[in-house]
Amino acid sequence: GLVFIDIDHFKNINDTYGHEIGDQVLTSVAQTMRNSLRSSDFL
């Protein structure tokens, strides 16, 4: 199976908080998702 995922309203996050915070959001979302997948799955 393939799941294509997009962060909602990400442009607003960058515009409101700046790109450094946007990068933290990307990292946080990636870690949250990666930690819930099996080792055989890919993110």
PDB file of all heavy atoms in Angstrom:
ATOM      1  N   GLY A   1       0.829  -1.196   0.000  1.00  0.00           N
ATOM      2  CA  GLY A   1       0.000   0.000   0.000  1.00  0.00           C
ATOM      3  C   GLY A   1       0.861   1.243   0.000  1.00  0.00           C
ATOM      4  O   GLY A   1       1.998   1.238   0.488  1.00  0.00           O
ATOM      5  N   LEU A   2       0.334   2.313  -0.558  1.00  0.00           N
ATOM      6  CA  LEU A   2       1.028   3.588  -0.594  1.00  0.00           C
ATOM      7  C   LEU A   2       0.134   4.641   0.039  1.00  0.00           C
ATOM      8  O   LEU A   2      -1.057   4.705  -0.254  1.00  0.00           O
ATOM      9  CB  LEU A   2       1.340   3.963  -2.044  1.00  0.00           C
ATOM     10  CG  LEU A   2       2.143   5.244  -2.228  1.00  0.00           C
ATOM     11  CD1 LEU A   2       3.138   5.059  -3.370  1.00  0.00           C
ATOM     12  CD2 LEU A   2       1.244   6.426  -2.510  1.00  0.00           C
ATOM     13  N   VAL A   3       0.711   5.427   0.940  1.00  0.00           N
ATOM     14  CA  VAL A   3      -0.009   6.539   1.553  1.00  0.00           C
ATOM     15  C   VAL A   3       0.771   7.813   1.233  1.00  0.00           C
ATOM     16  O   VAL A   3       1.955   7.924   1.567  1.00  0.00           O
ATOM     17  CB  VAL A   3      -0.146   6.376   3.083  1.00  0.00           C
ATOM     18  CG1 VAL A   3      -1.034   7.471   3.647  1.00  0.00           C
ATOM     19  CG2 VAL A   3      -0.683   5.001   3.454  1.00  0.00           C
ATOM     20  N   PHE A   4       0.106   8.735   0.561  1.00  0.00           N
ATOM     21  CA  PHE A   4       0.697  10.021   0.213  1.00  0.00           C
ATOM     22  C   PHE A   4       0.155  11.030   1.217  1.00  0.00           C
ATOM     23  O   PHE A   4      -1.063  11.209   1.322  1.00  0.00           O
ATOM     24  CB  PHE A   4       0.297  10.369  -1.214  1.00  0.00           C
ATOM     25  CG  PHE A   4       1.154  11.386  -1.894  1.00  0.00           C
ATOM     26  CD1 PHE A   4       2.462  11.625  -1.516  1.00  0.00           C
ATOM     27  CD2 PHE A   4       0.645  12.115  -2.956  1.00  0.00           C
ATOM     28  CE1 PHE A   4       3.244  12.557  -2.169  1.00  0.00           C
ATOM     29  CE2 PHE A   4       1.418  13.050  -3.623  1.00  0.00           C
ATOM     30  CZ  PHE A   4       2.718  13.278  -3.230  1.00  0.00           C
ATOM     31  N   ILE A   5       1.025  11.668   1.986  1.00  0.00           N
ATOM     32  CA  ILE A   5       0.622  12.501   3.124  1.00  0.00           C
ATOM     33  C   ILE A   5       1.146  13.920   2.949  1.00  0.00           C
ATOM     34  O   ILE A   5       2.284  14.125   2.531  1.00  0.00           O
ATOM     35  CB  ILE A   5       1.165  11.892   4.437  1.00  0.00           C
ATOM     36  CG1 ILE A   5       0.509  10.530   4.674  1.00  0.00           C
ATOM     37  CG2 ILE A   5       0.928  12.826   5.614  1.00  0.00           C
ATOM     38  CD1 ILE A   5       1.133   9.744   5.793  1.00  0.00           C
ATOM     39  N   ASP A   6       0.318  14.881   3.312  1.00  0.00           N
ATOM     40  CA  ASP A   6       0.676  16.290   3.214  1.00  0.00           C
ATOM     41  C   ASP A   6       0.296  16.981   4.521  1.00  0.00           C
ATOM     42  O   ASP A   6      -0.799  16.748   5.058  1.00  0.00           O
ATOM     43  CB  ASP A   6      -0.087  16.919   2.043  1.00  0.00           C
ATOM     44  CG  ASP A   6       0.295  18.355   1.792  1.00  0.00           C
ATOM     45  OD1 ASP A   6       1.340  18.576   1.163  1.00  0.00           O
ATOM     46  OD2 ASP A   6      -0.458  19.247   2.230  1.00  0.00           O
ATOM     47  N   ILE A   7       1.190  17.823   5.038  1.00  0.00           N
ATOM     48  CA  ILE A   7       0.891  18.575   6.258  1.00  0.00           C
ATOM     49  C   ILE A   7      -0.101  19.677   5.908  1.00  0.00           C
ATOM     50  O   ILE A   7       0.122  20.453   4.970  1.00  0.00           O
ATOM     51  CB  ILE A   7       2.173  19.175   6.872  1.00  0.00           C
ATOM     52  CG1 ILE A   7       3.139  18.053   7.273  1.00  0.00           C
ATOM     53  CG2 ILE A   7       1.831  20.053   8.084  1.00  0.00           C
ATOM     54  CD1 ILE A   7       4.497  18.535   7.762  1.00  0.00           C
ATOM     55  N   ASP A   8      -1.187  19.739   6.658  1.00  0.00           N
ATOM     56  CA  ASP A   8      -2.229  20.740   6.420  1.00  0.00           C
ATOM     57  C   ASP A   8      -1.741  22.139   6.803  1.00  0.00           C
ATOM     58  O   ASP A   8      -1.116  22.320   7.850  1.00  0.00           O
ATOM     59  CB  ASP A   8      -3.491  20.402   7.229  1.00  0.00           C
ATOM     60  CG  ASP A   8      -4.127  19.100   6.793  1.00  0.00           C
ATOM     61  OD1 ASP A   8      -4.044  18.759   5.589  1.00  0.00           O
ATOM     62  OD2 ASP A   8      -4.724  18.417   7.658  1.00  0.00           O
ATOM     63  N   HIS A   9      -2.033  23.105   5.944  1.00  0.00           N
ATOM     64  CA  HIS A   9      -1.755  24.524   6.204  1.00  0.00           C
ATOM     65  C   HIS A   9      -0.286  24.791   6.531  1.00  0.00           C
ATOM     66  O   HIS A   9       0.031  25.667   7.341  1.00  0.00           O
ATOM     67  CB  HIS A   9      -2.652  25.056   7.332  1.00  0.00           C
ATOM     68  CG  HIS A   9      -4.115  24.870   7.078  1.00  0.00           C
ATOM     69  ND1 HIS A   9      -4.794  25.519   6.070  1.00  0.00           N
ATOM     70  CD2 HIS A   9      -5.026  24.091   7.698  1.00  0.00           C
ATOM     71  CE1 HIS A   9      -6.070  25.153   6.094  1.00  0.00           C
ATOM     72  NE2 HIS A   9      -6.236  24.278   7.060  1.00  0.00           N
ATOM     73  N   PHE A  10       0.609  24.063   5.891  1.00  0.00           N
ATOM     74  CA  PHE A  10       2.031  24.218   6.209  1.00  0.00           C
ATOM     75  C   PHE A  10       2.549  25.610   5.851  1.00  0.00           C
ATOM     76  O   PHE A  10       3.381  26.175   6.570  1.00  0.00           O
ATOM     77  CB  PHE A  10       2.870  23.141   5.503  1.00  0.00           C
ATOM     78  CG  PHE A  10       4.306  23.150   5.926  1.00  0.00           C
ATOM     79  CD1 PHE A  10       4.670  22.697   7.182  1.00  0.00           C
ATOM     80  CD2 PHE A  10       5.286  23.622   5.076  1.00  0.00           C
ATOM     81  CE1 PHE A  10       5.991  22.705   7.591  1.00  0.00           C
ATOM     82  CE2 PHE A  10       6.616  23.638   5.469  1.00  0.00           C
ATOM     83  CZ  PHE A  10       6.967  23.175   6.729  1.00  0.00           C
ATOM     84  N   LYS A  11       2.060  26.190   4.780  1.00  0.00           N
ATOM     85  CA  LYS A  11       2.493  27.543   4.395  1.00  0.00           C
ATOM     86  C   LYS A  11       2.180  28.532   5.512  1.00  0.00           C
ATOM     87  O   LYS A  11       2.987  29.413   5.813  1.00  0.00           O
ATOM     88  CB  LYS A  11       1.822  27.970   3.089  1.00  0.00           C
ATOM     89  CG  LYS A  11       2.294  29.336   2.603  1.00  0.00           C
ATOM     90  CD  LYS A  11       1.585  29.754   1.333  1.00  0.00           C
ATOM     91  CE  LYS A  11       2.031  31.087   0.791  1.00  0.00           C
ATOM     92  NZ  LYS A  11       2.294  32.138   1.732  1.00  0.00           N
ATOM     93  N   ASN A  12       1.028  28.376   6.157  1.00  0.00           N
ATOM     94  CA  ASN A  12       0.666  29.257   7.273  1.00  0.00           C
ATOM     95  C   ASN A  12       1.648  29.113   8.434  1.00  0.00           C
ATOM     96  O   ASN A  12       1.960  30.097   9.113  1.00  0.00           O
ATOM     97  CB  ASN A  12      -0.754  28.965   7.765  1.00  0.00           C
ATOM     98  CG  ASN A  12      -1.811  29.340   6.752  1.00  0.00           C
ATOM     99  OD1 ASN A  12      -1.546  30.044   5.785  1.00  0.00           O
ATOM    100  ND2 ASN A  12      -3.020  28.846   6.963  1.00  0.00           N
ATOM    101  N   ILE A  13       2.112  27.890   8.671  1.00  0.00           N
ATOM    102  CA  ILE A  13       3.084  27.662   9.746  1.00  0.00           C
ATOM    103  C   ILE A  13       4.376  28.408   9.426  1.00  0.00           C
ATOM    104  O   ILE A  13       4.922  29.127  10.277  1.00  0.00           O
ATOM    105  CB  ILE A  13       3.351  26.153   9.925  1.00  0.00           C
ATOM    106  CG1 ILE A  13       2.086  25.461  10.441  1.00  0.00           C
ATOM    107  CG2 ILE A  13       4.535  25.910  10.868  1.00  0.00           C
ATOM    108  CD1 ILE A  13       2.115  23.960  10.340  1.00  0.00           C
ATOM    109  N   ASN A  14       4.871  28.251   8.200  1.00  0.00           N
ATOM    110  CA  ASN A  14       6.089  28.954   7.797  1.00  0.00           C
ATOM    111  C   ASN A  14       5.905  30.469   7.852  1.00  0.00           C
ATOM    112  O   ASN A  14       6.784  31.193   8.323  1.00  0.00           O
ATOM    113  CB  ASN A  14       6.511  28.542   6.383  1.00  0.00           C
ATOM    114  CG  ASN A  14       7.392  27.318   6.368  1.00  0.00           C
ATOM    115  OD1 ASN A  14       8.058  26.995   7.347  1.00  0.00           O
ATOM    116  ND2 ASN A  14       7.411  26.628   5.256  1.00  0.00           N
ATOM    117  N   ASP A  15       4.759  30.948   7.373  1.00  0.00           N
ATOM    118  CA  ASP A  15       4.510  32.390   7.350  1.00  0.00           C
ATOM    119  C   ASP A  15       4.352  32.965   8.758  1.00  0.00           C
ATOM    120  O   ASP A  15       4.777  34.084   9.026  1.00  0.00           O
ATOM    121  CB  ASP A  15       3.256  32.710   6.532  1.00  0.00           C
ATOM    122  CG  ASP A  15       3.447  32.461   5.046  1.00  0.00           C
ATOM    123  OD1 ASP A  15       4.599  32.248   4.612  1.00  0.00           O
ATOM    124  OD2 ASP A  15       2.431  32.459   4.319  1.00  0.00           O
ATOM    125  N   THR A  16       3.756  32.192   9.662  1.00  0.00           N
ATOM    126  CA  THR A  16       3.498  32.668  11.023  1.00  0.00           C
ATOM    127  C   THR A  16       4.731  32.561  11.913  1.00  0.00           C
ATOM    128  O   THR A  16       5.056  33.483  12.657  1.00  0.00           O
ATOM    129  CB  THR A  16       2.341  31.869  11.662  1.00  0.00           C
ATOM    130  OG1 THR A  16       1.182  32.015  10.845  1.00  0.00           O
ATOM    131  CG2 THR A  16       2.040  32.348  13.076  1.00  0.00           C
ATOM    132  N   TYR A  17       5.421  31.425  11.836  1.00  0.00           N
ATOM    133  CA  TYR A  17       6.497  31.141  12.788  1.00  0.00           C
ATOM    134  C   TYR A  17       7.898  31.177  12.178  1.00  0.00           C
ATOM    135  O   TYR A  17       8.884  31.157  12.911  1.00  0.00           O
ATOM    136  CB  TYR A  17       6.286  29.760  13.426  1.00  0.00           C
ATOM    137  CG  TYR A  17       4.986  29.642  14.160  1.00  0.00           C
ATOM    138  CD1 TYR A  17       3.926  28.915  13.625  1.00  0.00           C
ATOM    139  CD2 TYR A  17       4.792  30.254  15.396  1.00  0.00           C
ATOM    140  CE1 TYR A  17       2.718  28.793  14.292  1.00  0.00           C
ATOM    141  CE2 TYR A  17       3.595  30.150  16.075  1.00  0.00           C
ATOM    142  CZ  TYR A  17       2.565  29.416  15.515  1.00  0.00           C
ATOM    143  OH  TYR A  17       1.372  29.305  16.182  1.00  0.00           O
ATOM    144  N   GLY A  18       7.999  31.161  10.863  1.00  0.00           N
ATOM    145  CA  GLY A  18       9.298  31.168  10.206  1.00  0.00           C
ATOM    146  C   GLY A  18       9.714  29.779   9.762  1.00  0.00           C
ATOM    147  O   GLY A  18       9.184  28.774  10.212  1.00  0.00           O
ATOM    148  N   HIS A  19      10.691  29.753   8.877  1.00  0.00           N
ATOM    149  CA  HIS A  19      11.122  28.489   8.273  1.00  0.00           C
ATOM    150  C   HIS A  19      11.836  27.568   9.260  1.00  0.00           C
ATOM    151  O   HIS A  19      11.772  26.350   9.113  1.00  0.00           O
ATOM    152  CB  HIS A  19      11.999  28.768   7.046  1.00  0.00           C
ATOM    153  CG  HIS A  19      11.222  29.364   5.912  1.00  0.00           C
ATOM    154  ND1 HIS A  19      10.426  28.610   5.084  1.00  0.00           N
ATOM    155  CD2 HIS A  19      11.083  30.651   5.502  1.00  0.00           C
ATOM    156  CE1 HIS A  19       9.841  29.407   4.201  1.00  0.00           C
ATOM    157  NE2 HIS A  19      10.226  30.636   4.437  1.00  0.00           N
ATOM    158  N   GLU A  20      12.500  28.125  10.257  1.00  0.00           N
ATOM    159  CA  GLU A  20      13.159  27.271  11.256  1.00  0.00           C
ATOM    160  C   GLU A  20      12.124  26.444  12.017  1.00  0.00           C
ATOM    161  O   GLU A  20      12.301  25.249  12.230  1.00  0.00           O
ATOM    162  CB  GLU A  20      13.982  28.117  12.224  1.00  0.00           C
ATOM    163  CG  GLU A  20      14.779  27.289  13.211  1.00  0.00           C
ATOM    164  CD  GLU A  20      15.648  28.152  14.113  1.00  0.00           C
ATOM    165  OE1 GLU A  20      16.212  29.151  13.644  1.00  0.00           O
ATOM    166  OE2 GLU A  20      15.747  27.793  15.301  1.00  0.00           O
ATOM    167  N   ILE A  21      11.029  27.072  12.390  1.00  0.00           N
ATOM    168  CA  ILE A  21       9.941  26.350  13.068  1.00  0.00           C
ATOM    169  C   ILE A  21       9.290  25.389  12.085  1.00  0.00           C
ATOM    170  O   ILE A  21       8.946  24.254  12.441  1.00  0.00           O
ATOM    171  CB  ILE A  21       8.904  27.330  13.656  1.00  0.00           C
ATOM    172  CG1 ILE A  21       9.556  28.225  14.714  1.00  0.00           C
ATOM    173  CG2 ILE A  21       7.707  26.568  14.219  1.00  0.00           C
ATOM    174  CD1 ILE A  21      10.149  27.502  15.905  1.00  0.00           C
ATOM    175  N   GLY A  22       9.141  25.803  10.837  1.00  0.00           N
ATOM    176  CA  GLY A  22       8.608  24.905   9.813  1.00  0.00           C
ATOM    177  C   GLY A  22       9.446  23.646   9.702  1.00  0.00           C
ATOM    178  O   GLY A  22       8.908  22.540   9.584  1.00  0.00           O
ATOM    179  N   ASP A  23      10.760  23.794   9.756  1.00  0.00           N
ATOM    180  CA  ASP A  23      11.647  22.628   9.723  1.00  0.00           C
ATOM    181  C   ASP A  23      11.433  21.734  10.945  1.00  0.00           C
ATOM    182  O   ASP A  23      11.461  20.508  10.846  1.00  0.00           O
ATOM    183  CB  ASP A  23      13.110  23.053   9.640  1.00  0.00           C
ATOM    184  CG  ASP A  23      13.478  23.640   8.288  1.00  0.00           C
ATOM    185  OD1 ASP A  23      12.691  23.485   7.330  1.00  0.00           O
ATOM    186  OD2 ASP A  23      14.562  24.255   8.196  1.00  0.00           O
ATOM    187  N   GLN A  24      11.206  22.346  12.110  1.00  0.00           N
ATOM    188  CA  GLN A  24      10.929  21.564  13.319  1.00  0.00           C
ATOM    189  C   GLN A  24       9.618  20.794  13.179  1.00  0.00           C
ATOM    190  O   GLN A  24       9.509  19.657  13.634  1.00  0.00           O
ATOM    191  CB  GLN A  24      10.874  22.471  14.547  1.00  0.00           C
ATOM    192  CG  GLN A  24      12.214  23.028  14.960  1.00  0.00           C
ATOM    193  CD  GLN A  24      12.099  23.961  16.163  1.00  0.00           C
ATOM    194  OE1 GLN A  24      11.204  23.828  16.985  1.00  0.00           O
ATOM    195  NE2 GLN A  24      13.010  24.907  16.248  1.00  0.00           N
ATOM    196  N   VAL A  25       8.639  21.416  12.555  1.00  0.00           N
ATOM    197  CA  VAL A  25       7.353  20.745  12.326  1.00  0.00           C
ATOM    198  C   VAL A  25       7.557  19.543  11.402  1.00  0.00           C
ATOM    199  O   VAL A  25       7.059  18.445  11.672  1.00  0.00           O
ATOM    200  CB  VAL A  25       6.310  21.729  11.742  1.00  0.00           C
ATOM    201  CG1 VAL A  25       5.087  20.986  11.222  1.00  0.00           C
ATOM    202  CG2 VAL A  25       5.908  22.753  12.793  1.00  0.00           C
ATOM    203  N   LEU A  26       8.301  19.728  10.326  1.00  0.00           N
ATOM    204  CA  LEU A  26       8.588  18.610   9.413  1.00  0.00           C
ATOM    205  C   LEU A  26       9.262  17.461  10.150  1.00  0.00           C
ATOM    206  O   LEU A  26       8.878  16.297   9.989  1.00  0.00           O
ATOM    207  CB  LEU A  26       9.491  19.084   8.266  1.00  0.00           C
ATOM    208  CG  LEU A  26       8.857  19.978   7.219  1.00  0.00           C
ATOM    209  CD1 LEU A  26       9.934  20.590   6.330  1.00  0.00           C
ATOM    210  CD2 LEU A  26       7.850  19.192   6.391  1.00  0.00           C
ATOM    211  N   THR A  27      10.250  17.777  10.955  1.00  0.00           N
ATOM    212  CA  THR A  27      10.976  16.753  11.713  1.00  0.00           C
ATOM    213  C   THR A  27      10.055  16.051  12.699  1.00  0.00           C
ATOM    214  O   THR A  27      10.060  14.822  12.818  1.00  0.00           O
ATOM    215  CB  THR A  27      12.171  17.383  12.447  1.00  0.00           C
ATOM    216  OG1 THR A  27      13.035  17.979  11.478  1.00  0.00           O
ATOM    217  CG2 THR A  27      12.933  16.349  13.245  1.00  0.00           C
ATOM    218  N   SER A  28       9.239  16.820  13.399  1.00  0.00           N
ATOM    219  CA  SER A  28       8.329  16.251  14.395  1.00  0.00           C
ATOM    220  C   SER A  28       7.302  15.320  13.748  1.00  0.00           C
ATOM    221  O   SER A  28       7.048  14.215  14.236  1.00  0.00           O
ATOM    222  CB  SER A  28       7.614  17.383  15.140  1.00  0.00           C
ATOM    223  OG  SER A  28       6.661  16.876  16.033  1.00  0.00           O
ATOM    224  N   VAL A  29       6.721  15.754  12.636  1.00  0.00           N
ATOM    225  CA  VAL A  29       5.736  14.931  11.931  1.00  0.00           C
ATOM    226  C   VAL A  29       6.396  13.645  11.430  1.00  0.00           C
ATOM    227  O   VAL A  29       5.849  12.549  11.590  1.00  0.00           O
ATOM    228  CB  VAL A  29       5.076  15.719  10.777  1.00  0.00           C
ATOM    229  CG1 VAL A  29       4.282  14.804   9.857  1.00  0.00           C
ATOM    230  CG2 VAL A  29       4.181  16.813  11.336  1.00  0.00           C
ATOM    231  N   ALA A  30       7.578  13.770  10.845  1.00  0.00           N
ATOM    232  CA  ALA A  30       8.291  12.591  10.338  1.00  0.00           C
ATOM    233  C   ALA A  30       8.598  11.606  11.459  1.00  0.00           C
ATOM    234  O   ALA A  30       8.391  10.397  11.308  1.00  0.00           O
ATOM    235  CB  ALA A  30       9.573  13.016   9.628  1.00  0.00           C
ATOM    236  N   GLN A  31       9.075  12.102  12.596  1.00  0.00           N
ATOM    237  CA  GLN A  31       9.394  11.216  13.722  1.00  0.00           C
ATOM    238  C   GLN A  31       8.143  10.553  14.274  1.00  0.00           C
ATOM    239  O   GLN A  31       8.160   9.363  14.600  1.00  0.00           O
ATOM    240  CB  GLN A  31      10.111  11.995  14.830  1.00  0.00           C
ATOM    241  CG  GLN A  31      11.530  12.364  14.484  1.00  0.00           C
ATOM    242  CD  GLN A  31      12.181  13.244  15.539  1.00  0.00           C
ATOM    243  OE1 GLN A  31      11.513  13.858  16.366  1.00  0.00           O
ATOM    244  NE2 GLN A  31      13.498  13.312  15.498  1.00  0.00           N
ATOM    245  N   THR A  32       7.075  11.301  14.378  1.00  0.00           N
ATOM    246  CA  THR A  32       5.815  10.738  14.878  1.00  0.00           C
ATOM    247  C   THR A  32       5.354   9.592  13.989  1.00  0.00           C
ATOM    248  O   THR A  32       4.985   8.517  14.472  1.00  0.00           O
ATOM    249  CB  THR A  32       4.732  11.833  14.959  1.00  0.00           C
ATOM    250  OG1 THR A  32       5.162  12.826  15.892  1.00  0.00           O
ATOM    251  CG2 THR A  32       3.391  11.260  15.402  1.00  0.00           C
ATOM    252  N   MET A  33       5.392   9.802  12.692  1.00  0.00           N
ATOM    253  CA  MET A  33       4.935   8.761  11.767  1.00  0.00           C
ATOM    254  C   MET A  33       5.910   7.588  11.736  1.00  0.00           C
ATOM    255  O   MET A  33       5.494   6.436  11.781  1.00  0.00           O
ATOM    256  CB  MET A  33       4.724   9.342  10.367  1.00  0.00           C
ATOM    257  CG  MET A  33       3.551  10.301  10.302  1.00  0.00           C
ATOM    258  SD  MET A  33       3.070  10.789   8.623  1.00  0.00           S
ATOM    259  CE  MET A  33       4.522  11.632   8.042  1.00  0.00           C
ATOM    260  N   ARG A  34       7.203   7.867  11.686  1.00  0.00           N
ATOM    261  CA  ARG A  34       8.203   6.797  11.599  1.00  0.00           C
ATOM    262  C   ARG A  34       8.110   5.877  12.819  1.00  0.00           C
ATOM    263  O   ARG A  34       8.253   4.658  12.703  1.00  0.00           O
ATOM    264  CB  ARG A  34       9.606   7.412  11.487  1.00  0.00           C
ATOM    265  CG  ARG A  34      10.753   6.434  11.449  1.00  0.00           C
ATOM    266  CD  ARG A  34      10.750   5.621  10.177  1.00  0.00           C
ATOM    267  NE  ARG A  34      10.606   4.215  10.527  1.00  0.00           N
ATOM    268  CZ  ARG A  34      10.256   3.249   9.704  1.00  0.00           C
ATOM    269  NH1 ARG A  34       9.988   3.492   8.462  1.00  0.00           N
ATOM    270  NH2 ARG A  34      10.131   2.015  10.106  1.00  0.00           N
ATOM    271  N   ASN A  35       7.882   6.457  13.991  1.00  0.00           N
ATOM    272  CA  ASN A  35       7.817   5.665  15.220  1.00  0.00           C
ATOM    273  C   ASN A  35       6.609   4.738  15.272  1.00  0.00           C
ATOM    274  O   ASN A  35       6.562   3.833  16.105  1.00  0.00           O
ATOM    275  CB  ASN A  35       7.824   6.579  16.446  1.00  0.00           C
ATOM    276  CG  ASN A  35       9.161   7.253  16.647  1.00  0.00           C
ATOM    277  OD1 ASN A  35      10.193   6.776  16.168  1.00  0.00           O
ATOM    278  ND2 ASN A  35       9.164   8.367  17.345  1.00  0.00           N
ATOM    279  N   SER A  36       5.628   4.957  14.400  1.00  0.00           N
ATOM    280  CA  SER A  36       4.426   4.123  14.435  1.00  0.00           C
ATOM    281  C   SER A  36       4.415   3.062  13.337  1.00  0.00           C
ATOM    282  O   SER A  36       3.481   2.277  13.259  1.00  0.00           O
ATOM    283  CB  SER A  36       3.177   4.992  14.341  1.00  0.00           C
ATOM    284  OG  SER A  36       3.068   5.529  13.049  1.00  0.00           O
ATOM    285  N   LEU A  37       5.441   3.052  12.501  1.00  0.00           N
ATOM    286  CA  LEU A  37       5.494   2.083  11.412  1.00  0.00           C
ATOM    287  C   LEU A  37       6.345   0.877  11.782  1.00  0.00           C
ATOM    288  O   LEU A  37       7.210   0.961  12.651  1.00  0.00           O
ATOM    289  CB  LEU A  37       6.085   2.739  10.151  1.00  0.00           C
ATOM    290  CG  LEU A  37       5.252   3.846   9.523  1.00  0.00           C
ATOM    291  CD1 LEU A  37       6.051   4.531   8.417  1.00  0.00           C
ATOM    292  CD2 LEU A  37       3.952   3.292   8.977  1.00  0.00           C
ATOM    293  N   ARG A  38       6.094  -0.225  11.098  1.00  0.00           N
ATOM    294  CA  ARG A  38       6.941  -1.404  11.256  1.00  0.00           C
ATOM    295  C   ARG A  38       8.297  -1.130  10.615  1.00  0.00           C
ATOM    296  O   ARG A  38       8.394  -0.300   9.702  1.00  0.00           O
ATOM    297  CB  ARG A  38       6.312  -2.623  10.582  1.00  0.00           C
ATOM    298  CG  ARG A  38       4.931  -2.979  11.098  1.00  0.00           C
ATOM    299  CD  ARG A  38       4.284  -4.038  10.236  1.00  0.00           C
ATOM    300  NE  ARG A  38       4.132  -3.536   8.862  1.00  0.00           N
ATOM    301  CZ  ARG A  38       3.510  -4.186   7.899  1.00  0.00           C
ATOM    302  NH1 ARG A  38       2.976  -5.366   8.118  1.00  0.00           N
ATOM    303  NH2 ARG A  38       3.407  -3.676   6.689  1.00  0.00           N
ATOM    304  N   SER A  39       9.302  -1.833  11.051  1.00  0.00           N
ATOM    305  CA  SER A  39      10.639  -1.628  10.481  1.00  0.00           C
ATOM    306  C   SER A  39      10.680  -1.994   9.001  1.00  0.00           C
ATOM    307  O   SER A  39      11.523  -1.494   8.259  1.00  0.00           O
ATOM    308  CB  SER A  39      11.680  -2.426  11.264  1.00  0.00           C
ATOM    309  OG  SER A  39      11.389  -3.803  11.192  1.00  0.00           O
ATOM    310  N   SER A  40       9.762  -2.837   8.547  1.00  0.00           N
ATOM    311  CA  SER A  40       9.737  -3.241   7.143  1.00  0.00           C
ATOM    312  C   SER A  40       9.072  -2.202   6.240  1.00  0.00           C
ATOM    313  O   SER A  40       9.199  -2.254   5.023  1.00  0.00           O
ATOM    314  CB  SER A  40       9.008  -4.573   6.988  1.00  0.00           C
ATOM    315  OG  SER A  40       7.666  -4.454   7.431  1.00  0.00           O
ATOM    316  N   ASP A  41       8.351  -1.241   6.826  1.00  0.00           N
ATOM    317  CA  ASP A  41       7.677  -0.217   6.044  1.00  0.00           C
ATOM    318  C   ASP A  41       8.641   0.933   5.741  1.00  0.00           C
ATOM    319  O   ASP A  41       9.713   1.032   6.331  1.00  0.00           O
ATOM    320  CB  ASP A  41       6.440   0.294   6.786  1.00  0.00           C
ATOM    321  CG  ASP A  41       5.405  -0.799   6.987  1.00  0.00           C
ATOM    322  OD1 ASP A  41       5.316  -1.702   6.132  1.00  0.00           O
ATOM    323  OD2 ASP A  41       4.690  -0.755   8.007  1.00  0.00           O
ATOM    324  N   PHE A  42       8.245   1.796   4.825  1.00  0.00           N
ATOM    325  CA  PHE A  42       9.107   2.889   4.380  1.00  0.00           C
ATOM    326  C   PHE A  42       8.385   4.216   4.527  1.00  0.00           C
ATOM    327  O   PHE A  42       7.215   4.342   4.165  1.00  0.00           O
ATOM    328  CB  PHE A  42       9.495   2.684   2.908  1.00  0.00           C
ATOM    329  CG  PHE A  42      10.208   3.856   2.313  1.00  0.00           C
ATOM    330  CD1 PHE A  42      11.568   4.024   2.513  1.00  0.00           C
ATOM    331  CD2 PHE A  42       9.521   4.794   1.571  1.00  0.00           C
ATOM    332  CE1 PHE A  42      12.234   5.125   1.981  1.00  0.00           C
ATOM    333  CE2 PHE A  42      10.180   5.904   1.026  1.00  0.00           C
ATOM    334  CZ  PHE A  42      11.539   6.059   1.231  1.00  0.00           C
ATOM    335  N   LEU A  43       9.107   5.192   5.048  1.00  0.00           N
ATOM    336  CA  LEU A  43       8.611   6.566   5.110  1.00  0.00           C
ATOM    337  C   LEU A  43       9.699   7.467   4.548  1.00  0.00           C
ATOM    338  O   LEU A  43      10.861   7.371   4.951  1.00  0.00           O
ATOM    339  CB  LEU A  43       8.303   6.980   6.554  1.00  0.00           C
ATOM    340  CG  LEU A  43       7.968   8.462   6.758  1.00  0.00           C
ATOM    341  CD1 LEU A  43       6.601   8.795   6.173  1.00  0.00           C
ATOM    342  CD2 LEU A  43       8.016   8.833   8.222  1.00  0.00           C
TER     343      LEU A  43
END
